[in-house]
Amino acid sequence: MKIEVRGKLKEQARIVRVSAWDEFKRLLTALRPTSIAYTFEKSPLSTPPVALRLAFGSEGAQYVFLDFAQGEDLKRTKIPVHLNRAGEPYLKDEEVKNFILTQLNRTDLSIVSFGVLGY
């Protein structure tokens, strides 16, 4: 889709939704972004109702991966889901960061929470 900006045409960035962790990992390895963002979301259709969203931008596209809870961990990445004292599910920031860095075998990737970005 094209949008007009002050008399010039500018291509709108595209969003690429990736459903498999292995494919998202392959893209991260091939495109080598300098940063990746994540957020924890409520997911009413998951049990427990929590999900992880990962996103990075490269070459005019935003790549997005979603993983949903299934039992004691996330279905695709197997990152553990924890319960607080009230029984509400949550994910630990450090476990997500460590998972990404270990899977990619990288130490130079900046991993930031969408929460820090104001989302």
C-alpha atoms as a PDB file:
ATOM      1  CA  MET A   1       0.000   0.000   0.000  1.00  0.00           C
ATOM      2  CA  LYS A   2       1.263   3.476  -0.835  1.00  0.00           C
ATOM      3  CA  ILE A   3       0.477   6.642   1.102  1.00  0.00           C
ATOM      4  CA  GLU A   4       1.208  10.147  -0.101  1.00  0.00           C
ATOM      5  CA  VAL A   5       3.492  12.246   2.059  1.00  0.00           C
ATOM      6  CA  ARG A   6       4.044  15.891   1.015  1.00  0.00           C
ATOM      7  CA  GLY A   7       3.867  15.122  -2.673  1.00  0.00           C
ATOM      8  CA  LYS A   8       6.122  12.084  -2.482  1.00  0.00           C
ATOM      9  CA  LEU A   9       5.133   8.445  -2.376  1.00  0.00           C
ATOM     10  CA  LYS A  10       6.318   6.441   0.581  1.00  0.00           C
ATOM     11  CA  GLU A  11       5.865   2.692   0.913  1.00  0.00           C
ATOM     12  CA  GLN A  12       4.202   1.687   4.141  1.00  0.00           C
ATOM     13  CA  ALA A  13       6.152  -0.879   6.156  1.00  0.00           C
ATOM     14  CA  ARG A  14       4.726  -4.366   6.057  1.00  0.00           C
ATOM     15  CA  ILE A  15       4.051  -6.685   8.956  1.00  0.00           C
ATOM     16  CA  VAL A  16       5.151 -10.294   8.608  1.00  0.00           C
ATOM     17  CA  ARG A  17       3.491 -12.655  11.073  1.00  0.00           C
ATOM     18  CA  VAL A  18       5.587 -15.743  11.730  1.00  0.00           C
ATOM     19  CA  SER A  19       3.851 -18.700  13.375  1.00  0.00           C
ATOM     20  CA  ALA A  20       6.778 -21.106  13.920  1.00  0.00           C
ATOM     21  CA  TRP A  21       9.588 -20.397  16.383  1.00  0.00           C
ATOM     22  CA  ASP A  22      12.175 -22.095  14.133  1.00  0.00           C
ATOM     23  CA  GLU A  23      11.266 -19.782  11.233  1.00  0.00           C
ATOM     24  CA  PHE A  24      11.352 -16.684  13.461  1.00  0.00           C
ATOM     25  CA  LYS A  25      14.750 -17.814  14.777  1.00  0.00           C
ATOM     26  CA  ARG A  26      15.981 -18.337  11.184  1.00  0.00           C
ATOM     27  CA  LEU A  27      14.879 -14.796  10.278  1.00  0.00           C
ATOM     28  CA  LEU A  28      16.577 -13.353  13.359  1.00  0.00           C
ATOM     29  CA  THR A  29      19.781 -15.172  12.423  1.00  0.00           C
ATOM     30  CA  ALA A  30      19.666 -14.201   8.740  1.00  0.00           C
ATOM     31  CA  LEU A  31      18.636 -10.547   9.186  1.00  0.00           C
ATOM     32  CA  ARG A  32      20.715  -9.927  12.366  1.00  0.00           C
ATOM     33  CA  PRO A  33      18.709  -7.044  13.855  1.00  0.00           C
ATOM     34  CA  THR A  34      20.389  -5.025  16.595  1.00  0.00           C
ATOM     35  CA  SER A  35      17.310  -5.175  18.835  1.00  0.00           C
ATOM     36  CA  ILE A  36      14.136  -7.121  19.489  1.00  0.00           C
ATOM     37  CA  ALA A  37      11.112  -6.069  21.554  1.00  0.00           C
ATOM     38  CA  TYR A  38       8.744  -8.224  23.578  1.00  0.00           C
ATOM     39  CA  THR A  39       5.561  -7.900  25.568  1.00  0.00           C
ATOM     40  CA  PHE A  40       3.396 -10.143  27.707  1.00  0.00           C
ATOM     41  CA  GLU A  41      -0.264 -10.080  26.773  1.00  0.00           C
ATOM     42  CA  LYS A  42      -3.523 -11.374  28.149  1.00  0.00           C
ATOM     43  CA  SER A  43      -4.823 -14.204  26.015  1.00  0.00           C
ATOM     44  CA  PRO A  44      -8.323 -15.216  27.146  1.00  0.00           C
ATOM     45  CA  LEU A  45      -8.417 -18.323  24.924  1.00  0.00           C
ATOM     46  CA  SER A  46      -5.157 -19.760  26.323  1.00  0.00           C
ATOM     47  CA  THR A  47      -4.847 -21.805  29.499  1.00  0.00           C
ATOM     48  CA  PRO A  48      -3.484 -20.048  31.479  1.00  0.00           C
ATOM     49  CA  PRO A  49      -4.502 -16.783  29.745  1.00  0.00           C
ATOM     50  CA  VAL A  50      -1.089 -15.305  28.884  1.00  0.00           C
ATOM     51  CA  ALA A  51       0.913 -14.866  25.670  1.00  0.00           C
ATOM     52  CA  LEU A  52       4.302 -13.576  24.518  1.00  0.00           C
ATOM     53  CA  ARG A  53       4.764 -11.238  21.536  1.00  0.00           C
ATOM     54  CA  LEU A  54       8.223 -10.803  19.983  1.00  0.00           C
ATOM     55  CA  ALA A  55       8.903  -8.245  17.255  1.00  0.00           C
ATOM     56  CA  PHE A  56      11.826  -6.812  15.328  1.00  0.00           C
ATOM     57  CA  GLY A  57      12.210  -4.613  12.286  1.00  0.00           C
ATOM     58  CA  SER A  58      14.470  -5.149   9.294  1.00  0.00           C
ATOM     59  CA  GLU A  59      14.545  -4.190   5.618  1.00  0.00           C
ATOM     60  CA  GLY A  60      11.218  -2.335   5.592  1.00  0.00           C
ATOM     61  CA  ALA A  61       9.279  -5.005   7.468  1.00  0.00           C
ATOM     62  CA  GLN A  62       8.265  -5.737  11.023  1.00  0.00           C
ATOM     63  CA  TYR A  63       8.461  -9.425  11.950  1.00  0.00           C
ATOM     64  CA  VAL A  64       6.105 -10.599  14.696  1.00  0.00           C
ATOM     65  CA  PHE A  65       5.941 -13.915  16.569  1.00  0.00           C
ATOM     66  CA  LEU A  66       3.232 -14.866  19.075  1.00  0.00           C
ATOM     67  CA  ASP A  67       3.408 -17.729  21.560  1.00  0.00           C
ATOM     68  CA  PHE A  68       0.509 -18.755  23.788  1.00  0.00           C
ATOM     69  CA  ALA A  69       0.409 -20.549  27.116  1.00  0.00           C
ATOM     70  CA  GLN A  70      -0.508 -24.194  27.194  1.00  0.00           C
ATOM     71  CA  GLY A  71      -0.314 -25.659  30.668  1.00  0.00           C
ATOM     72  CA  GLU A  72       2.860 -24.831  32.564  1.00  0.00           C
ATOM     73  CA  ASP A  73       4.718 -23.242  29.652  1.00  0.00           C
ATOM     74  CA  LEU A  74       4.358 -21.486  26.310  1.00  0.00           C
ATOM     75  CA  LYS A  75       3.372 -23.836  23.508  1.00  0.00           C
ATOM     76  CA  ARG A  76       6.099 -23.081  20.931  1.00  0.00           C
ATOM     77  CA  THR A  77       9.102 -21.864  22.941  1.00  0.00           C
ATOM     78  CA  LYS A  78       8.471 -23.867  26.132  1.00  0.00           C
ATOM     79  CA  ILE A  79       9.261 -20.788  28.264  1.00  0.00           C
ATOM     80  CA  PRO A  80       7.775 -21.482  31.734  1.00  0.00           C
ATOM     81  CA  VAL A  81       4.550 -19.785  32.834  1.00  0.00           C
ATOM     82  CA  HIS A  82       4.505 -18.857  36.531  1.00  0.00           C
ATOM     83  CA  LEU A  83       1.586 -18.102  38.858  1.00  0.00           C
ATOM     84  CA  ASN A  84       1.651 -15.321  41.428  1.00  0.00           C
ATOM     85  CA  ARG A  85       0.072 -15.639  44.892  1.00  0.00           C
ATOM     86  CA  ALA A  86      -3.319 -14.661  43.466  1.00  0.00           C
ATOM     87  CA  GLY A  87      -3.050 -17.430  40.866  1.00  0.00           C
ATOM     88  CA  GLU A  88      -2.522 -15.023  37.956  1.00  0.00           C
ATOM     89  CA  PRO A  89      -0.121 -16.203  35.238  1.00  0.00           C
ATOM     90  CA  TYR A  90       3.002 -14.270  34.329  1.00  0.00           C
ATOM     91  CA  LEU A  91       6.284 -14.677  32.473  1.00  0.00           C
ATOM     92  CA  LYS A  92       9.674 -13.647  33.816  1.00  0.00           C
ATOM     93  CA  ASP A  93      11.592 -11.036  31.826  1.00  0.00           C
ATOM     94  CA  GLU A  94      14.948 -12.691  32.488  1.00  0.00           C
ATOM     95  CA  GLU A  95      13.727 -16.108  31.299  1.00  0.00           C
ATOM     96  CA  VAL A  96      12.511 -14.585  28.030  1.00  0.00           C
ATOM     97  CA  LYS A  97      15.764 -12.675  27.491  1.00  0.00           C
ATOM     98  CA  ASN A  98      17.926 -15.687  28.342  1.00  0.00           C
ATOM     99  CA  PHE A  99      15.883 -17.899  26.020  1.00  0.00           C
ATOM    100  CA  ILE A 100      16.343 -15.515  23.078  1.00  0.00           C
ATOM    101  CA  LEU A 101      20.071 -14.999  23.631  1.00  0.00           C
ATOM    102  CA  THR A 102      20.692 -18.733  24.117  1.00  0.00           C
ATOM    103  CA  GLN A 103      18.653 -19.738  21.074  1.00  0.00           C
ATOM    104  CA  LEU A 104      20.466 -17.213  18.864  1.00  0.00           C
ATOM    105  CA  ASN A 105      23.869 -17.703  20.474  1.00  0.00           C
ATOM    106  CA  ARG A 106      24.294 -13.920  20.584  1.00  0.00           C
ATOM    107  CA  THR A 107      25.344 -11.484  23.277  1.00  0.00           C
ATOM    108  CA  ASP A 108      25.121  -8.312  21.156  1.00  0.00           C
ATOM    109  CA  LEU A 109      21.319  -8.261  20.766  1.00  0.00           C
ATOM    110  CA  SER A 110      19.394  -5.585  22.660  1.00  0.00           C
ATOM    111  CA  ILE A 111      16.173  -7.058  24.089  1.00  0.00           C
ATOM    112  CA  VAL A 112      13.656  -4.481  25.310  1.00  0.00           C
ATOM    113  CA  SER A 113      10.171  -4.697  26.741  1.00  0.00           C
ATOM    114  CA  PHE A 114       7.338  -2.926  24.928  1.00  0.00           C
ATOM    115  CA  GLY A 115       6.435  -1.757  28.457  1.00  0.00           C
ATOM    116  CA  VAL A 116       9.653   0.256  28.589  1.00  0.00           C
ATOM    117  CA  LEU A 117       8.675   1.738  25.222  1.00  0.00           C
ATOM    118  CA  GLY A 118       5.312   2.843  26.627  1.00  0.00           C
ATOM    119  CA  TYR A 119       3.061   0.108  25.238  1.00  0.00           C
END
